[in-house]
N, C-alpha and C. Protein backbone atom coordinates (compact mmCIF):
# COMPACT_ATOMS: atom_id res chain seq x y z
N MET A 1 0.45 -10.00 -32.22
CA MET A 1 -0.48 -9.45 -31.20
C MET A 1 -0.31 -9.27 -29.84
N SER A 2 0.06 -11.01 -29.31
CA SER A 2 -0.06 -11.52 -27.88
C SER A 2 1.39 -10.81 -27.40
N GLU A 3 2.43 -10.89 -28.04
CA GLU A 3 4.06 -9.89 -27.66
C GLU A 3 3.44 -8.84 -27.35
N LEU A 4 2.79 -8.24 -27.95
CA LEU A 4 2.74 -6.72 -27.79
C LEU A 4 1.52 -6.62 -26.31
N HIS A 5 0.48 -7.21 -26.12
CA HIS A 5 -0.27 -7.22 -25.18
C HIS A 5 0.75 -7.81 -23.85
N ASP A 6 1.67 -8.65 -24.15
CA ASP A 6 2.74 -9.27 -22.81
C ASP A 6 3.55 -8.00 -22.40
N ALA A 7 4.02 -7.09 -23.39
CA ALA A 7 4.70 -5.95 -23.17
C ALA A 7 3.98 -4.91 -22.69
N HIS A 8 2.74 -4.76 -22.79
CA HIS A 8 2.00 -3.60 -22.14
C HIS A 8 1.45 -4.17 -21.18
N LYS A 9 1.56 -5.77 -20.67
CA LYS A 9 1.11 -5.81 -19.03
C LYS A 9 2.33 -5.72 -18.33
N ARG A 10 3.49 -5.94 -19.08
CA ARG A 10 4.62 -5.88 -18.20
C ARG A 10 4.60 -4.39 -17.87
N ARG A 11 4.86 -3.45 -18.64
CA ARG A 11 4.75 -2.11 -18.40
C ARG A 11 3.94 -1.39 -17.16
N MET A 12 2.19 -2.05 -17.36
CA MET A 12 1.30 -1.99 -16.54
C MET A 12 1.66 -2.24 -15.22
N ALA A 13 1.99 -3.51 -14.88
CA ALA A 13 2.78 -4.05 -13.64
C ALA A 13 3.34 -2.95 -13.09
N ARG A 14 4.53 -2.58 -13.97
CA ARG A 14 5.24 -1.58 -12.77
C ARG A 14 4.90 -0.34 -12.87
N MET A 15 3.76 0.28 -13.65
CA MET A 15 3.42 1.69 -14.07
C MET A 15 1.53 1.53 -14.03
N PRO A 16 1.36 1.60 -12.99
CA PRO A 16 -0.22 1.04 -13.25
C PRO A 16 -1.00 1.91 -13.77
N TRP A 17 -0.64 3.38 -13.55
CA TRP A 17 -0.96 4.67 -14.02
C TRP A 17 -1.61 4.24 -15.91
N LEU A 18 -0.75 3.68 -16.45
CA LEU A 18 -1.07 3.43 -17.52
C LEU A 18 -2.29 2.59 -17.99
N TYR A 19 -2.79 1.61 -16.55
CA TYR A 19 -3.81 1.06 -17.16
C TYR A 19 -5.18 1.87 -17.37
N PHE A 20 -5.05 2.76 -16.29
CA PHE A 20 -5.90 4.14 -15.89
C PHE A 20 -5.96 5.09 -17.04
N ARG A 21 -5.08 5.06 -17.67
CA ARG A 21 -4.56 6.22 -18.49
C ARG A 21 -4.82 5.57 -20.10
N ALA A 22 -5.20 4.36 -20.00
CA ALA A 22 -4.90 3.81 -21.62
C ALA A 22 -6.14 3.99 -22.42
N LYS A 23 -6.13 3.90 -23.52
CA LYS A 23 -6.83 4.37 -24.67
C LYS A 23 -8.27 2.86 -24.87
N PRO A 24 -9.24 3.22 -25.55
CA PRO A 24 -10.14 2.15 -25.68
C PRO A 24 -9.69 0.73 -26.26
N ALA A 25 -8.76 1.26 -27.12
CA ALA A 25 -8.50 -0.17 -27.54
C ALA A 25 -7.30 -1.04 -27.05
N VAL A 26 -7.03 -0.28 -25.95
CA VAL A 26 -5.80 -1.15 -24.79
C VAL A 26 -6.92 -1.97 -23.90
N LEU A 27 -8.14 -0.77 -23.66
CA LEU A 27 -8.66 -1.32 -22.38
C LEU A 27 -9.62 -2.70 -22.89
N ALA A 28 -9.72 -2.60 -24.23
CA ALA A 28 -10.83 -4.08 -24.70
C ALA A 28 -10.17 -5.15 -24.84
N TRP A 29 -8.60 -5.69 -24.42
CA TRP A 29 -8.04 -6.64 -23.72
C TRP A 29 -7.64 -6.81 -22.25
N ALA A 30 -7.10 -5.27 -21.93
CA ALA A 30 -6.47 -5.12 -20.44
C ALA A 30 -7.87 -4.97 -19.64
N GLN A 31 -8.65 -4.91 -19.93
CA GLN A 31 -10.12 -4.94 -18.63
C GLN A 31 -10.76 -6.36 -18.28
N PRO A 32 -10.60 -7.13 -19.65
CA PRO A 32 -10.96 -8.99 -19.15
C PRO A 32 -9.79 -9.40 -18.49
N TRP A 33 -8.52 -8.99 -18.63
CA TRP A 33 -7.41 -9.52 -18.15
C TRP A 33 -7.29 -9.39 -16.40
N GLN A 34 -7.55 -7.83 -16.15
CA GLN A 34 -7.84 -7.46 -14.94
C GLN A 34 -8.86 -8.26 -13.69
N ALA A 35 -9.94 -8.46 -14.85
CA ALA A 35 -10.84 -8.89 -14.40
C ALA A 35 -10.92 -10.29 -13.92
N GLU A 36 -9.89 -11.52 -14.90
CA GLU A 36 -10.09 -12.96 -14.31
C GLU A 36 -9.11 -12.57 -13.00
N LEU A 37 -7.92 -11.60 -13.06
CA LEU A 37 -7.24 -11.77 -12.09
C LEU A 37 -7.88 -11.16 -10.66
N LEU A 38 -8.99 -10.10 -10.69
CA LEU A 38 -9.45 -9.77 -9.55
C LEU A 38 -10.37 -11.20 -9.10
N ALA A 39 -11.37 -11.43 -10.25
CA ALA A 39 -12.05 -12.89 -9.75
C ALA A 39 -11.45 -14.04 -8.75
N GLN A 40 -10.24 -14.25 -9.49
CA GLN A 40 -9.38 -15.42 -8.96
C GLN A 40 -8.76 -15.28 -7.38
N LEU A 41 -8.77 -13.46 -7.17
CA LEU A 41 -8.32 -13.46 -6.19
C LEU A 41 -9.71 -13.22 -4.73
N HIS A 42 -10.75 -13.09 -5.31
CA HIS A 42 -11.90 -13.21 -5.01
C HIS A 42 -12.47 -14.64 -4.57
N ARG A 43 -11.89 -15.36 -5.28
CA ARG A 43 -11.78 -17.04 -4.71
C ARG A 43 -11.09 -17.71 -4.06
N THR A 44 -9.73 -16.91 -3.88
CA THR A 44 -8.82 -17.34 -3.24
C THR A 44 -8.64 -16.88 -1.46
N GLU A 45 -8.60 -15.78 -1.82
CA GLU A 45 -8.52 -14.74 -0.40
C GLU A 45 -9.59 -14.16 0.00
N ASP A 46 -9.61 -13.54 1.46
CA ASP A 46 -10.56 -12.74 1.83
C ASP A 46 -10.57 -11.23 1.19
N VAL A 47 -10.85 -10.85 0.14
CA VAL A 47 -10.82 -9.67 0.01
C VAL A 47 -12.05 -9.22 -0.86
N ALA A 48 -11.72 -7.68 -1.12
CA ALA A 48 -13.46 -7.02 -1.41
C ALA A 48 -12.42 -5.40 -2.37
N LEU A 49 -12.29 -5.92 -3.62
CA LEU A 49 -11.81 -4.96 -4.33
C LEU A 49 -12.71 -4.73 -5.02
N ASP A 50 -12.55 -3.26 -5.68
CA ASP A 50 -13.62 -2.84 -6.27
C ASP A 50 -13.11 -2.84 -8.02
N PRO A 51 -14.36 -3.57 -8.73
CA PRO A 51 -13.80 -4.05 -10.32
C PRO A 51 -12.94 -3.12 -10.77
N SER A 52 -12.66 -1.44 -10.62
CA SER A 52 -11.83 -0.61 -11.40
C SER A 52 -10.57 -0.92 -10.70
N CYS A 53 -10.32 -1.67 -9.84
CA CYS A 53 -8.67 -1.70 -9.42
C CYS A 53 -7.79 -2.21 -10.70
N PHE A 54 -6.46 -2.19 -10.19
CA PHE A 54 -5.85 -2.83 -11.45
C PHE A 54 -4.49 -3.42 -10.20
N VAL A 55 -4.59 -4.76 -10.37
CA VAL A 55 -3.66 -5.73 -9.41
C VAL A 55 -2.74 -6.06 -10.36
N ALA A 56 -1.49 -6.16 -10.38
CA ALA A 56 -0.44 -6.61 -11.18
C ALA A 56 -0.71 -8.14 -10.78
N PRO A 57 0.11 -9.05 -11.76
CA PRO A 57 -0.34 -10.20 -12.11
C PRO A 57 0.76 -11.11 -10.54
N ASP A 58 2.33 -10.39 -10.51
CA ASP A 58 3.00 -10.54 -9.40
C ASP A 58 2.91 -10.20 -7.87
N ALA A 59 1.53 -9.43 -8.05
CA ALA A 59 1.46 -8.56 -6.46
C ALA A 59 1.09 -9.68 -5.61
N ASP A 60 1.45 -9.76 -4.40
CA ASP A 60 0.65 -10.49 -3.37
C ASP A 60 -0.17 -10.00 -2.54
N LEU A 61 -1.41 -10.71 -2.61
CA LEU A 61 -2.13 -10.08 -1.86
C LEU A 61 -2.45 -11.05 -0.44
N VAL A 62 -2.31 -11.33 0.52
CA VAL A 62 -3.10 -12.33 1.37
C VAL A 62 -3.86 -11.77 2.41
N ALA A 63 -4.88 -12.40 2.64
CA ALA A 63 -5.88 -12.11 2.87
C ALA A 63 -6.69 -13.06 3.88
N GLU A 64 -6.12 -14.14 4.36
CA GLU A 64 -6.63 -15.40 4.96
C GLU A 64 -7.98 -14.78 5.89
N PRO A 65 -9.02 -15.34 6.05
CA PRO A 65 -10.18 -15.28 7.28
C PRO A 65 -9.63 -14.44 8.52
N GLY A 66 -10.60 -13.10 8.80
CA GLY A 66 -10.67 -12.38 9.24
C GLY A 66 -9.25 -11.57 9.19
N ARG A 67 -8.79 -11.20 7.68
CA ARG A 67 -7.64 -10.22 7.59
C ARG A 67 -7.86 -10.05 6.18
N ARG A 68 -8.77 -9.36 6.47
CA ARG A 68 -9.55 -9.05 4.71
C ARG A 68 -9.03 -7.59 4.16
N ILE A 69 -8.61 -7.69 2.90
CA ILE A 69 -7.96 -6.80 2.25
C ILE A 69 -9.30 -5.84 1.26
N GLU A 70 -9.46 -4.48 1.82
CA GLU A 70 -10.63 -4.00 0.90
C GLU A 70 -9.98 -2.81 0.17
N ALA A 71 -10.21 -2.30 -1.08
CA ALA A 71 -9.85 -1.11 -2.06
C ALA A 71 -11.07 -0.66 -2.22
N GLY A 72 -10.92 0.62 -2.25
CA GLY A 72 -12.03 0.92 -3.43
C GLY A 72 -11.75 1.37 -4.54
N PRO A 73 -12.43 2.12 -5.16
CA PRO A 73 -12.33 2.59 -6.82
C PRO A 73 -10.88 2.86 -7.24
N ARG A 74 -10.22 2.42 -8.32
CA ARG A 74 -9.12 2.69 -9.11
C ARG A 74 -7.88 2.89 -8.49
N CYS A 75 -7.75 1.95 -7.25
CA CYS A 75 -6.48 1.46 -6.25
C CYS A 75 -5.63 0.52 -7.37
N ALA A 76 -4.22 0.88 -7.06
CA ALA A 76 -3.45 0.02 -7.71
C ALA A 76 -2.69 -0.82 -6.98
N PHE A 77 -2.09 -1.62 -7.19
CA PHE A 77 -1.37 -2.87 -6.64
C PHE A 77 0.22 -3.26 -7.67
N ALA A 78 1.02 -2.49 -7.53
CA ALA A 78 2.05 -2.98 -8.78
C ALA A 78 3.00 -3.99 -8.70
N ALA A 79 3.54 -4.26 -9.18
CA ALA A 79 4.62 -5.36 -8.93
C ALA A 79 5.30 -5.88 -8.10
N GLY A 80 5.49 -6.62 -7.57
CA GLY A 80 5.88 -6.96 -6.03
C GLY A 80 5.47 -6.66 -4.94
N VAL A 81 4.28 -5.87 -4.81
CA VAL A 81 3.50 -5.30 -3.93
C VAL A 81 3.00 -6.79 -3.05
N PHE A 82 3.56 -6.84 -1.70
CA PHE A 82 3.19 -7.79 -0.71
C PHE A 82 2.26 -6.50 0.24
N VAL A 83 0.68 -7.19 0.20
CA VAL A 83 -0.19 -7.26 1.33
C VAL A 83 -0.82 -7.77 2.18
N HIS A 84 -0.54 -8.11 3.59
CA HIS A 84 -1.19 -8.94 4.58
C HIS A 84 -2.27 -8.57 5.17
N GLY A 85 -3.35 -8.53 5.34
CA GLY A 85 -4.41 -8.04 5.80
C GLY A 85 -4.53 -7.80 7.35
N PRO A 86 -5.41 -7.42 8.26
CA PRO A 86 -6.15 -6.48 7.38
C PRO A 86 -5.82 -5.03 6.93
N VAL A 87 -6.33 -5.21 5.83
CA VAL A 87 -5.91 -3.33 5.31
C VAL A 87 -7.14 -2.70 4.37
N THR A 88 -7.12 -1.51 4.65
CA THR A 88 -8.27 -1.16 3.87
C THR A 88 -8.05 0.27 3.00
N LEU A 89 -8.46 0.14 2.04
CA LEU A 89 -7.51 1.02 0.83
C LEU A 89 -8.93 2.06 0.58
N GLY A 90 -8.88 3.61 0.62
CA GLY A 90 -9.90 4.24 0.02
C GLY A 90 -9.81 4.29 -1.53
N ALA A 91 -10.35 5.30 -2.12
CA ALA A 91 -10.54 4.88 -3.41
C ALA A 91 -9.40 5.96 -4.29
N ASP A 92 -8.59 5.13 -5.14
CA ASP A 92 -7.46 6.04 -5.95
C ASP A 92 -6.22 6.35 -5.20
N VAL A 93 -6.10 4.86 -4.35
CA VAL A 93 -4.70 4.72 -3.20
C VAL A 93 -3.83 4.08 -4.52
N SER A 94 -2.65 4.41 -5.01
CA SER A 94 -1.54 3.56 -5.21
C SER A 94 -0.82 3.29 -4.51
N LEU A 95 0.15 1.81 -4.65
CA LEU A 95 1.02 1.27 -4.11
C LEU A 95 1.88 0.62 -5.19
N ASN A 96 2.74 1.30 -5.11
CA ASN A 96 4.26 1.10 -6.25
C ASN A 96 4.93 0.05 -5.95
N PRO A 97 5.71 -0.43 -7.25
CA PRO A 97 6.66 -1.86 -7.28
C PRO A 97 7.26 -2.09 -5.38
N HIS A 98 6.62 -2.76 -5.41
CA HIS A 98 7.41 -3.84 -3.93
C HIS A 98 7.34 -2.64 -2.82
N VAL A 99 6.28 -2.01 -2.60
CA VAL A 99 5.56 -1.73 -1.47
C VAL A 99 5.24 -2.96 -0.63
N THR A 100 5.50 -2.87 1.21
CA THR A 100 4.66 -3.91 1.88
C THR A 100 3.81 -3.42 2.43
N LEU A 101 2.66 -3.87 3.16
CA LEU A 101 1.53 -3.53 3.84
C LEU A 101 1.71 -4.60 4.92
N ASP A 102 1.56 -4.86 6.20
CA ASP A 102 1.63 -5.55 6.88
C ASP A 102 0.25 -5.41 8.17
N GLY A 103 -0.74 -5.79 7.92
CA GLY A 103 -1.77 -4.97 8.93
C GLY A 103 -1.86 -5.87 10.14
N GLY A 104 -0.82 -6.99 10.66
CA GLY A 104 -0.76 -6.95 12.11
C GLY A 104 -2.42 -7.49 12.37
N ALA A 105 -2.44 -7.55 13.87
CA ALA A 105 -3.88 -7.67 14.18
C ALA A 105 -4.88 -6.57 13.78
N ALA A 106 -4.37 -5.48 14.16
CA ALA A 106 -5.10 -4.08 14.33
C ALA A 106 -5.60 -3.69 12.52
N GLY A 107 -4.61 -3.68 11.81
CA GLY A 107 -4.91 -3.19 10.49
C GLY A 107 -4.11 -1.98 10.16
N ILE A 108 -4.07 -2.08 8.83
CA ILE A 108 -3.98 -0.41 8.05
C ILE A 108 -4.85 0.00 7.66
N HIS A 109 -5.71 0.91 8.03
CA HIS A 109 -5.93 2.11 6.97
C HIS A 109 -5.47 3.37 6.24
N ILE A 110 -5.60 3.25 4.89
CA ILE A 110 -4.99 4.45 4.28
C ILE A 110 -6.46 5.07 3.40
N GLY A 111 -5.95 6.39 3.54
CA GLY A 111 -7.10 7.28 2.87
C GLY A 111 -7.04 7.67 1.62
N GLU A 112 -7.93 8.20 1.05
CA GLU A 112 -8.44 8.43 -0.48
C GLU A 112 -7.04 9.07 -1.00
N GLY A 113 -6.34 8.76 -2.32
CA GLY A 113 -5.82 9.40 -3.12
C GLY A 113 -3.89 9.38 -2.63
N THR A 114 -4.03 8.70 -1.41
CA THR A 114 -2.81 8.32 -0.89
C THR A 114 -1.86 7.69 -1.86
N ARG A 115 -0.57 8.29 -1.94
CA ARG A 115 0.54 7.58 -3.29
C ARG A 115 1.51 7.14 -2.03
N ILE A 116 1.99 5.63 -2.34
CA ILE A 116 2.79 5.20 -1.66
C ILE A 116 3.87 4.86 -2.51
N ALA A 117 5.33 5.24 -2.58
CA ALA A 117 6.28 5.27 -3.24
C ALA A 117 7.03 3.60 -3.07
N THR A 118 7.74 3.33 -4.09
CA THR A 118 8.22 2.35 -4.07
C THR A 118 9.10 1.86 -3.16
N GLY A 119 8.85 0.26 -2.45
CA GLY A 119 9.67 0.25 -1.54
C GLY A 119 9.32 0.65 -0.17
N ALA A 120 8.57 1.13 -0.07
CA ALA A 120 8.05 1.61 1.48
C ALA A 120 7.48 0.54 2.06
N ARG A 121 7.82 0.70 3.23
CA ARG A 121 7.03 -0.52 4.20
C ARG A 121 6.11 -0.28 5.60
N LEU A 122 4.84 -0.74 5.65
CA LEU A 122 4.18 -0.38 6.62
C LEU A 122 4.04 -1.59 7.62
N PHE A 123 4.14 -1.22 8.86
CA PHE A 123 4.37 -2.83 9.69
C PHE A 123 3.08 -2.49 10.64
N ALA A 124 2.19 -2.89 11.01
CA ALA A 124 1.11 -2.48 12.13
C ALA A 124 1.62 -3.67 13.23
N PHE A 125 2.47 -4.02 13.72
CA PHE A 125 2.70 -4.88 14.46
C PHE A 125 4.16 -5.00 14.97
N ASP A 126 4.62 -5.27 16.17
CA ASP A 126 5.99 -5.07 16.90
C ASP A 126 6.11 -6.23 17.74
N HIS A 127 7.39 -6.82 17.45
CA HIS A 127 8.03 -7.45 18.85
C HIS A 127 8.53 -6.99 20.07
N GLY A 128 8.45 -7.66 21.11
CA GLY A 128 9.21 -7.41 22.78
C GLY A 128 10.08 -7.45 22.51
N MET A 129 10.83 -6.92 23.45
CA MET A 129 12.49 -7.17 23.50
C MET A 129 12.67 -7.20 24.51
N ALA A 130 12.15 -7.71 25.56
CA ALA A 130 12.57 -8.02 27.08
C ALA A 130 13.83 -8.80 27.03
N PRO A 131 14.53 -8.73 27.83
CA PRO A 131 15.93 -9.31 28.00
C PRO A 131 15.68 -11.01 28.13
N GLY A 132 14.53 -11.35 28.78
CA GLY A 132 14.59 -12.77 29.44
C GLY A 132 14.42 -13.82 28.89
N ARG A 133 13.46 -13.31 27.12
CA ARG A 133 13.50 -14.48 26.95
C ARG A 133 14.06 -13.93 25.06
N PRO A 134 14.06 -14.93 24.33
CA PRO A 134 14.76 -14.82 22.96
C PRO A 134 13.84 -14.20 21.90
N ILE A 135 13.89 -13.46 21.07
CA ILE A 135 12.74 -12.96 20.19
C ILE A 135 12.32 -13.57 19.67
N ARG A 136 12.38 -14.53 19.27
CA ARG A 136 11.65 -15.57 18.61
C ARG A 136 10.44 -15.96 19.39
N GLU A 137 10.67 -15.97 20.90
CA GLU A 137 9.71 -16.32 21.90
C GLU A 137 8.69 -15.20 22.44
N GLN A 138 9.42 -14.07 21.73
CA GLN A 138 8.62 -12.78 22.43
C GLN A 138 7.16 -12.70 22.07
N PRO A 139 6.05 -12.00 22.91
CA PRO A 139 4.73 -11.54 22.09
C PRO A 139 5.02 -10.28 21.36
N THR A 140 3.88 -9.84 20.47
CA THR A 140 3.68 -9.15 19.60
C THR A 140 2.54 -7.83 20.15
N ARG A 141 2.73 -6.97 19.77
CA ARG A 141 1.60 -6.33 19.87
C ARG A 141 1.11 -5.59 18.12
N SER A 142 -0.31 -4.86 18.67
CA SER A 142 -0.51 -4.46 17.19
C SER A 142 -1.83 -3.41 17.64
N GLU A 143 -1.44 -1.86 17.12
CA GLU A 143 -2.04 -0.93 17.36
C GLU A 143 -2.64 -0.25 16.13
N GLY A 144 -2.27 -0.77 14.85
CA GLY A 144 -2.53 -0.33 13.65
C GLY A 144 -1.63 0.97 13.33
N ILE A 145 -1.85 1.16 12.01
CA ILE A 145 -1.65 2.09 11.25
C ILE A 145 -2.78 3.15 10.73
N ARG A 146 -2.64 4.34 10.63
CA ARG A 146 -3.32 5.18 10.45
C ARG A 146 -3.33 6.15 9.39
N VAL A 147 -3.14 6.22 7.94
CA VAL A 147 -2.44 7.23 7.04
C VAL A 147 -4.03 7.84 6.41
N GLY A 148 -4.04 9.36 6.29
CA GLY A 148 -4.80 10.14 6.21
C GLY A 148 -5.05 10.19 4.42
N ALA A 149 -6.00 11.05 3.65
CA ALA A 149 -6.41 10.93 2.78
C ALA A 149 -4.97 11.97 2.14
N ASP A 150 -4.60 12.03 0.59
CA ASP A 150 -4.22 12.69 0.00
C ASP A 150 -2.81 12.80 0.78
N VAL A 151 -1.65 11.71 0.98
CA VAL A 151 -0.67 11.84 1.13
C VAL A 151 0.30 11.21 0.42
N TRP A 152 1.91 11.41 0.14
CA TRP A 152 2.74 10.97 -0.57
C TRP A 152 3.85 10.30 0.32
N ILE A 153 3.92 9.32 0.39
CA ILE A 153 4.77 8.51 1.08
C ILE A 153 6.26 7.81 0.41
N GLY A 154 7.32 8.61 0.53
CA GLY A 154 8.50 8.60 -0.52
C GLY A 154 8.86 7.15 -0.48
N ALA A 155 9.67 6.85 -1.80
CA ALA A 155 10.52 5.13 -1.83
C ALA A 155 11.35 5.33 -0.49
N ASN A 156 10.92 4.19 -0.47
CA ASN A 156 11.85 3.54 0.79
C ASN A 156 11.58 4.15 2.36
N ALA A 157 10.29 4.57 2.41
CA ALA A 157 10.13 5.20 3.87
C ALA A 157 9.59 3.97 4.59
N GLY A 158 9.51 4.17 6.24
CA GLY A 158 8.89 3.01 6.76
C GLY A 158 8.04 3.62 7.70
N ILE A 159 7.04 3.27 7.89
CA ILE A 159 6.05 3.25 9.28
C ILE A 159 5.69 2.12 10.12
N THR A 160 5.70 2.57 11.32
CA THR A 160 6.35 1.64 12.39
C THR A 160 4.29 1.65 12.93
N ASP A 161 4.45 0.10 13.83
CA ASP A 161 3.05 0.77 14.23
C ASP A 161 2.63 1.32 15.64
N GLY A 162 1.06 2.09 15.42
CA GLY A 162 0.58 2.82 16.56
C GLY A 162 0.81 4.39 15.53
N VAL A 163 1.79 4.74 14.34
CA VAL A 163 1.46 5.99 14.10
C VAL A 163 0.54 6.05 13.09
N THR A 164 -0.10 7.43 13.06
CA THR A 164 -1.05 8.44 12.26
C THR A 164 -0.60 9.17 11.67
N VAL A 165 -0.90 9.15 10.35
CA VAL A 165 -0.28 10.02 9.46
C VAL A 165 -1.61 10.99 8.77
N GLY A 166 -1.44 12.49 9.09
CA GLY A 166 -2.60 13.53 9.04
C GLY A 166 -2.57 13.55 7.43
N ASP A 167 -3.93 14.07 6.85
CA ASP A 167 -4.25 14.55 5.71
C ASP A 167 -3.33 15.00 5.08
N HIS A 168 -2.82 15.12 3.70
CA HIS A 168 -2.26 15.57 3.14
C HIS A 168 -0.52 16.03 3.40
N ALA A 169 -0.37 15.02 4.30
CA ALA A 169 1.38 15.16 4.62
C ALA A 169 2.28 14.54 3.93
N VAL A 170 3.70 14.56 3.66
CA VAL A 170 4.52 14.13 2.57
C VAL A 170 5.73 13.50 3.56
N VAL A 171 5.94 12.43 3.21
CA VAL A 171 6.85 11.71 3.99
C VAL A 171 8.32 11.43 3.08
N ALA A 172 9.51 11.80 3.22
CA ALA A 172 10.64 11.87 2.65
C ALA A 172 10.51 10.56 2.74
N MET A 173 11.58 10.69 1.48
CA MET A 173 12.17 9.27 1.33
C MET A 173 13.20 8.59 2.14
N GLY A 174 13.09 7.21 2.59
CA GLY A 174 13.89 6.75 3.15
C GLY A 174 13.34 7.19 4.73
N ALA A 175 12.68 8.16 4.89
CA ALA A 175 12.32 8.55 6.43
C ALA A 175 11.84 7.42 7.07
N VAL A 176 11.79 7.40 8.72
CA VAL A 176 11.16 5.96 9.61
C VAL A 176 10.74 6.73 10.01
N LEU A 177 8.75 6.64 10.31
CA LEU A 177 7.97 7.22 11.22
C LEU A 177 7.87 6.31 12.18
N THR A 178 7.92 7.29 13.61
CA THR A 178 8.03 6.10 14.86
C THR A 178 6.58 7.02 16.04
N ARG A 179 6.35 8.27 15.18
CA ARG A 179 5.36 8.74 15.99
C ARG A 179 4.60 9.58 14.95
N ASP A 180 3.24 10.29 15.36
CA ASP A 180 2.06 10.54 14.68
C ASP A 180 2.56 11.90 14.01
N VAL A 181 2.47 12.07 12.77
CA VAL A 181 2.75 13.04 11.82
C VAL A 181 1.28 14.21 11.41
N PRO A 182 1.67 15.25 11.50
CA PRO A 182 0.54 16.14 11.94
C PRO A 182 -0.06 16.71 10.21
N ALA A 183 -1.59 16.91 10.23
CA ALA A 183 -1.97 17.07 8.52
C ALA A 183 -0.98 18.11 8.13
N TRP A 184 -0.54 18.01 6.52
CA TRP A 184 0.33 19.02 5.73
C TRP A 184 1.59 19.15 6.20
N ALA A 185 1.80 18.03 7.19
CA ALA A 185 3.40 18.29 7.59
C ALA A 185 4.17 17.60 6.66
N ILE A 186 5.75 17.79 6.14
CA ILE A 186 6.63 17.42 5.39
C ILE A 186 7.52 16.94 6.57
N VAL A 187 7.43 15.39 6.65
CA VAL A 187 8.72 14.87 7.75
C VAL A 187 9.64 13.92 6.64
N GLY A 188 10.74 14.06 7.58
CA GLY A 188 12.20 13.25 6.97
C GLY A 188 13.19 13.07 8.00
N GLY A 189 13.83 12.14 7.99
CA GLY A 189 14.62 11.58 8.66
C GLY A 189 14.68 10.33 9.43
N VAL A 190 15.58 9.70 10.13
CA VAL A 190 15.37 8.30 10.86
C VAL A 190 16.08 8.85 12.79
N PRO A 191 15.14 8.83 13.46
CA PRO A 191 13.76 8.66 12.79
C PRO A 191 13.26 10.33 12.56
N ALA A 192 12.01 10.12 11.57
CA ALA A 192 11.47 11.02 10.97
C ALA A 192 10.93 12.45 12.51
N ALA A 193 11.12 13.58 11.65
CA ALA A 193 10.88 14.61 12.13
C ALA A 193 10.41 15.85 11.43
N VAL A 194 9.47 16.55 11.63
CA VAL A 194 8.81 17.89 10.77
C VAL A 194 9.55 18.83 10.48
N ILE A 195 9.89 18.75 9.23
CA ILE A 195 11.38 19.77 8.14
C ILE A 195 10.07 20.53 6.93
N GLY A 196 9.08 20.65 7.42
CA GLY A 196 8.34 21.74 6.63
C GLY A 196 7.05 21.67 6.72
N ASP A 197 6.05 22.63 5.89
CA ASP A 197 4.70 22.13 5.77
C ASP A 197 4.44 22.58 4.10
N ARG A 198 3.75 21.83 3.84
CA ARG A 198 3.00 21.82 2.28
C ARG A 198 2.60 23.09 2.00
N ARG A 199 1.74 23.86 2.73
CA ARG A 199 1.07 25.14 2.57
C ARG A 199 1.83 26.23 2.48
N ASP A 200 3.34 25.89 2.98
CA ASP A 200 4.34 26.95 2.52
C ASP A 200 4.73 26.96 1.23
N ARG A 201 4.72 26.05 0.35
CA ARG A 201 5.50 25.65 -0.57
C ARG A 201 4.93 26.73 -1.84
């Protein structure tokens, strides 16, 4: 039975929706497994994760004092996810495999129901580029990133510091956001530009 459980755990880690849709017989062992992982994170990091969250064993949540990670009910942190606080996730946010969120100093806030696809990167800080000093000595700034509710961020998309994404927006695969995105907009390209509106679909 342990081999079967290990296989289920591996699948759930990469596809967390399997955990949320699991039958009672699976939840009988999966919920204690998740409770143990969450308890360990609460002991070692500055996190406030709802007990209903799913965290893959190899998800890396780094939340030293002053850089808290908060997640509402039914959030998912899939395999290979890296989150460095401060980060706040509303209910039902999913971070699919290998998503990176770095909150810088100002933080990242993601609204309820937002889906972030594999490989997306959100960095809420930036380096200076003045020619008079090496990059390694440049100061950093952090304005923060805000992503609204019911947003879909496509695979390998990037969002830079200071950007706000409005509710219900869609970010195309591989897009790089350097400016704010209106609610309901569909954006794509590098740098990203508005290419449609969800309400027209």
